[in-house]
Protein backbone atom coordinates (compact mmCIF):
# COMPACT_ATOMS: atom_id res chain seq x y z
CA MET A 1 0.00 0.00 0.00
CA HIS A 2 1.16 3.57 -0.74
CA TYR A 3 3.47 5.03 1.95
CA ALA A 4 2.28 8.65 1.82
CA ALA A 5 1.94 10.36 5.20
CA ALA A 6 -1.76 10.83 4.46
CA LEU A 7 -4.30 9.74 1.89
CA ILE A 8 -7.50 11.37 0.69
CA VAL A 9 -10.30 8.98 -0.27
CA ARG A 10 -13.20 10.43 -2.27
CA ARG A 11 -16.42 8.63 -3.12
CA GLN A 12 -17.46 9.45 -6.65
CA LEU A 13 -20.75 10.95 -7.73
CA GLU A 14 -23.48 8.43 -8.59
CA PRO A 15 -25.81 10.11 -11.13
CA LEU A 16 -28.58 7.51 -11.02
CA ASN A 17 -28.50 7.56 -7.25
CA LEU A 18 -28.82 11.34 -7.35
CA PHE A 19 -31.74 11.55 -9.77
CA LEU A 20 -33.56 8.23 -9.40
CA GLY A 21 -32.50 6.84 -6.03
CA PHE A 22 -30.90 3.90 -7.86
CA GLU A 23 -28.01 2.40 -5.90
CA GLN A 24 -24.99 2.12 -8.18
CA ALA A 25 -21.71 0.29 -7.60
CA ASN A 26 -19.41 2.38 -5.40
CA ARG A 27 -16.26 3.99 -6.78
CA TYR A 28 -13.54 5.92 -4.96
CA SER A 29 -10.48 7.90 -5.99
CA ILE A 30 -7.43 7.81 -3.71
CA GLU A 31 -4.90 10.66 -3.60
CA ASP A 32 -1.73 11.30 -1.62
CA ASP A 33 -1.19 14.25 0.72
CA GLN A 34 -0.05 16.35 -2.26
CA GLY A 35 -3.29 15.76 -4.14
CA GLN A 36 -1.75 13.38 -6.64
CA PRO A 37 -3.86 10.36 -7.67
CA VAL A 38 -2.30 7.10 -6.49
CA ALA A 39 -5.12 4.56 -6.76
CA TYR A 40 -8.73 3.94 -7.69
CA LEU A 41 -11.27 1.66 -6.04
CA ALA A 42 -14.18 0.16 -7.96
CA GLU A 43 -16.89 -2.14 -6.71
CA GLU A 44 -17.21 -5.06 -9.09
CA GLU A 45 -20.25 -4.98 -11.34
CA THR A 46 -20.85 -8.62 -12.16
CA THR A 47 -24.38 -9.53 -13.21
CA PHE A 48 -27.82 -8.00 -13.55
CA SER A 49 -28.88 -9.86 -10.41
CA SER A 50 -26.15 -8.10 -8.42
CA ALA A 51 -27.68 -4.76 -9.41
CA ILE A 52 -31.07 -5.98 -8.18
CA PHE A 53 -29.53 -7.15 -4.90
CA ARG A 54 -28.03 -3.68 -4.38
CA GLN A 55 -31.49 -2.14 -4.56
CA LEU A 56 -33.04 -4.71 -2.21
CA LEU A 57 -30.27 -5.23 0.35
CA ARG A 58 -28.70 -1.75 0.23
CA THR A 59 -25.90 -1.61 2.84
CA HIS A 60 -26.50 -5.22 3.90
CA ARG A 61 -25.43 -6.51 0.51
CA PRO A 62 -22.18 -8.38 -0.11
CA PHE A 63 -19.68 -6.71 -2.37
CA LYS A 64 -16.30 -7.22 -3.99
CA ALA A 65 -14.03 -4.38 -5.00
CA VAL A 66 -10.60 -3.96 -6.54
CA ILE A 67 -8.04 -1.25 -5.83
CA MET A 68 -5.94 -0.38 -8.86
CA ASP A 69 -2.92 1.87 -9.25
CA SER A 70 -2.85 4.80 -11.66
CA GLU A 71 -1.88 2.45 -14.51
CA GLY A 72 -4.79 0.07 -13.92
CA ARG A 73 -2.85 -2.72 -12.20
CA VAL A 74 -4.71 -4.51 -9.41
CA MET A 75 -3.06 -3.82 -6.04
CA LEU A 76 -5.64 -5.06 -3.55
CA LYS A 77 -9.03 -6.71 -3.38
CA LEU A 78 -11.79 -6.18 -0.83
CA GLN A 79 -14.47 -8.75 -0.09
CA ARG A 80 -17.44 -8.12 2.16
CA PRO A 81 -19.84 -11.02 2.73
CA TRP A 82 -23.55 -10.56 3.23
CA THR A 83 -24.29 -9.11 6.66
CA TRP A 84 -27.27 -7.99 8.66
CA ILE A 85 -25.58 -6.16 11.54
CA ASN A 86 -21.78 -6.09 11.62
CA THR A 87 -19.40 -5.30 8.76
CA HIS A 88 -16.69 -7.85 8.00
CA ILE A 89 -14.24 -7.00 5.23
CA ASN A 90 -11.43 -9.23 4.00
CA VAL A 91 -8.39 -7.54 2.44
CA LEU A 92 -6.49 -9.59 -0.17
CA ASP A 93 -3.54 -8.96 -2.43
CA ALA A 94 -3.71 -9.21 -6.22
CA ASN A 95 -3.15 -13.00 -6.00
CA ASP A 96 -6.03 -13.52 -3.53
CA ASN A 97 -3.78 -14.01 -0.49
CA LEU A 98 -5.46 -12.78 2.69
CA LEU A 99 -3.65 -9.76 4.18
CA GLY A 100 -6.00 -8.71 6.94
CA GLN A 101 -9.55 -8.10 8.10
CA VAL A 102 -11.83 -5.39 9.42
CA MET A 103 -14.52 -6.48 11.88
CA GLN A 104 -17.20 -4.19 13.18
CA GLN A 105 -18.24 -4.80 16.80
CA TRP A 106 -21.89 -4.22 17.61
CA HIS A 107 -22.65 -1.61 20.25
CA LEU A 108 -25.86 0.23 21.00
CA TRP A 109 -24.36 3.71 20.84
CA ARG A 110 -20.67 3.39 19.90
CA ARG A 111 -19.01 2.96 16.51
CA ARG A 112 -16.48 0.19 17.03
CA TYR A 113 -14.12 -1.70 14.74
CA GLU A 114 -11.25 -4.13 15.23
CA LEU A 115 -8.47 -4.35 12.64
CA PHE A 116 -6.44 -7.51 12.10
CA ILE A 117 -3.38 -8.43 10.09
CA ASP A 118 -3.07 -11.96 8.75
CA MET A 119 0.02 -13.77 10.05
CA ILE A 120 0.56 -16.33 7.32
CA CYS A 121 3.61 -17.92 8.94
CA ALA A 122 1.75 -18.40 12.23
CA GLN A 123 -1.57 -19.19 10.54
CA ARG A 124 -3.50 -16.75 12.70
CA HIS A 125 -4.93 -13.24 12.76
CA GLU A 126 -3.32 -10.60 14.93
CA GLN A 127 -5.19 -7.50 16.02
CA PHE A 128 -3.13 -4.34 15.58
CA ALA A 129 -5.69 -1.58 16.14
CA GLN A 130 -9.19 -0.80 17.33
CA ILE A 131 -11.66 2.05 16.90
CA ASP A 132 -14.07 3.09 19.64
CA ALA A 133 -15.80 6.26 18.43
CA GLY A 134 -18.89 8.09 19.61
CA PHE A 135 -22.45 7.63 18.37
CA LEU A 136 -22.28 10.49 15.85
CA ALA A 137 -18.51 10.49 15.31
CA TRP A 138 -16.99 11.81 12.10
CA ARG A 139 -13.43 11.18 13.27
CA PHE A 140 -12.22 7.63 13.91
CA GLU A 141 -8.94 7.18 15.76
CA LEU A 142 -7.09 3.89 15.52
CA MET A 143 -5.63 2.93 18.88
CA ASP A 144 -2.95 0.37 19.65
CA GLU A 145 -3.03 -1.97 22.65
CA GLU A 146 -1.50 0.76 24.83
CA GLY A 147 -4.20 3.24 23.89
CA LYS A 148 -1.93 5.35 21.70
CA VAL A 149 -3.14 6.76 18.38
CA MET A 150 -1.67 4.96 15.37
CA ALA A 151 -3.70 6.61 12.61
CA CYS A 152 -6.93 8.50 12.05
CA ILE A 153 -9.80 8.30 9.57
CA ASP A 154 -11.38 11.75 9.35
CA ARG A 155 -14.65 12.26 7.49
CA ARG A 156 -14.41 15.63 5.76
CA PHE A 157 -17.51 17.68 4.95
CA GLY A 158 -17.65 18.30 1.21
CA GLY A 159 -20.02 21.26 1.23
CA PHE A 160 -23.57 21.43 2.53
CA ALA A 161 -25.48 21.16 -0.76
CA ARG A 162 -23.19 18.44 -2.04
CA GLU A 163 -23.59 16.46 1.17
CA ILE A 164 -27.38 16.66 1.19
CA PHE A 165 -28.11 16.03 -2.48
CA THR A 166 -25.44 13.56 -3.52
CA ASP A 167 -23.94 10.34 -2.28
CA THR A 168 -20.37 11.63 -2.27
CA GLY A 169 -17.96 12.08 0.61
CA GLN A 170 -14.29 12.35 1.33
CA TYR A 171 -11.99 11.05 4.03
CA ALA A 172 -8.51 12.00 5.19
CA LEU A 173 -6.44 9.04 6.38
CA PHE A 174 -3.61 10.33 8.58
CA PHE A 175 -0.70 7.96 9.16
CA HIS A 176 2.25 10.15 10.13
CA PRO A 177 2.66 11.56 13.68
CA ASP A 178 3.24 15.07 12.29
CA TYR A 179 -0.22 15.05 10.69
CA LEU A 180 -1.83 13.59 13.80
CA ALA A 181 -0.21 16.25 15.96
CA ALA A 182 -0.98 19.14 13.61
CA TYR A 183 -4.50 18.28 12.44
CA GLU A 184 -5.84 16.16 15.28
CA GLY A 185 -4.28 18.08 18.16
CA HIS A 186 -2.52 15.18 19.88
CA ALA A 187 0.53 15.55 22.08
CA ARG A 188 3.51 13.43 21.08
CA ASN A 189 3.16 11.17 24.12
CA GLN A 190 -0.36 10.24 22.94
CA LEU A 191 0.89 8.99 19.58
CA SER A 192 2.35 5.69 18.50
CA MET A 193 5.74 6.20 16.89
CA VAL A 194 5.71 2.76 15.27
CA PRO A 195 5.05 3.19 11.53
CA LEU A 196 2.28 1.12 9.98
CA THR A 197 3.30 -1.54 7.48
CA GLY A 198 1.92 -1.59 3.95
CA ASP A 199 -0.50 -4.38 4.86
CA GLN A 200 -1.72 -2.47 7.91
CA ARG A 201 -2.32 0.62 5.79
CA ALA A 202 -4.33 -1.51 3.36
CA VAL A 203 -6.54 -2.67 6.24
CA VAL A 204 -6.97 0.94 7.43
CA LEU A 205 -8.08 1.90 3.92
CA ALA A 206 -10.58 -0.97 3.92
CA CYS A 207 -11.86 0.24 7.27
CA ALA A 208 -12.45 3.72 5.84
CA ILE A 209 -14.51 2.17 3.04
CA GLY A 210 -16.46 0.15 5.61
CA ILE A 211 -17.14 3.25 7.71
CA ASP A 212 -18.37 5.13 4.65
CA PHE A 213 -20.58 2.20 3.70
CA ASP A 214 -21.99 1.77 7.23
CA TYR A 215 -22.61 5.36 8.26
CA PHE A 216 -22.27 7.92 5.49
CA SER A 217 -23.63 6.40 2.29
CA ARG A 218 -27.11 7.65 1.56
CA HIS A 219 -28.56 4.18 1.97
CA SER A 220 -26.87 3.56 5.32
CA HIS A 221 -29.08 6.17 7.01
CA GLY A 222 -31.72 4.58 9.15
CA GLY A 223 -30.36 1.09 8.58
CA MET A 224 -29.69 -1.52 11.20
CA MET A 225 -26.01 -1.95 10.35
CA GLY A 226 -23.46 -0.53 12.71
CA GLY A 227 -25.42 -0.70 15.93
CA GLY A 228 -27.70 2.26 15.36
CA GLY A 229 -25.65 4.04 12.71
């Protein structure tokens, strides 16, 4: 995964969603902290029946997505099985090897996620971060086992009219301590100084997509996913 100090993830405009309320496959652009495009995420559009399922199941639907670099090469794959309450996203490399997982934890009024990295040599999953955000949170801090902030997923408001009338949104993913200190207001002793690996960053990116899907997509409002999200 790209080693920029921060990434900006933008959900793309869905014209049929805007005008007809028709749920289209999700697409996201991914930029570095200098505004340069580094990747593109596209939900797979497979069959006509999958389009029908999107309308019926909305945010409960399963989906598969690919993350491609600027030259169209597949970097990562995301797989989310059908769910009724809690999000579960698998993160795979281009050869379908499992890299990690994002698991949402149900809570009546909190927004909680656990992030795991897949330890192939040990044949087990290892948790490296967790999120425990408030009921209406727009900022999601990733904490290590000592309670220090490793990274942050920050939902950025894209303009009032745009937010109300379209299904777009953007997120800043902060990885570097300098960004966390400057933009999130943390003291240095509150921050983890251990850099995230490429695989961990890929799982953080998948978590941002899951958060957008669960809480900020138009069709997530009023749903049962996410423990009251």
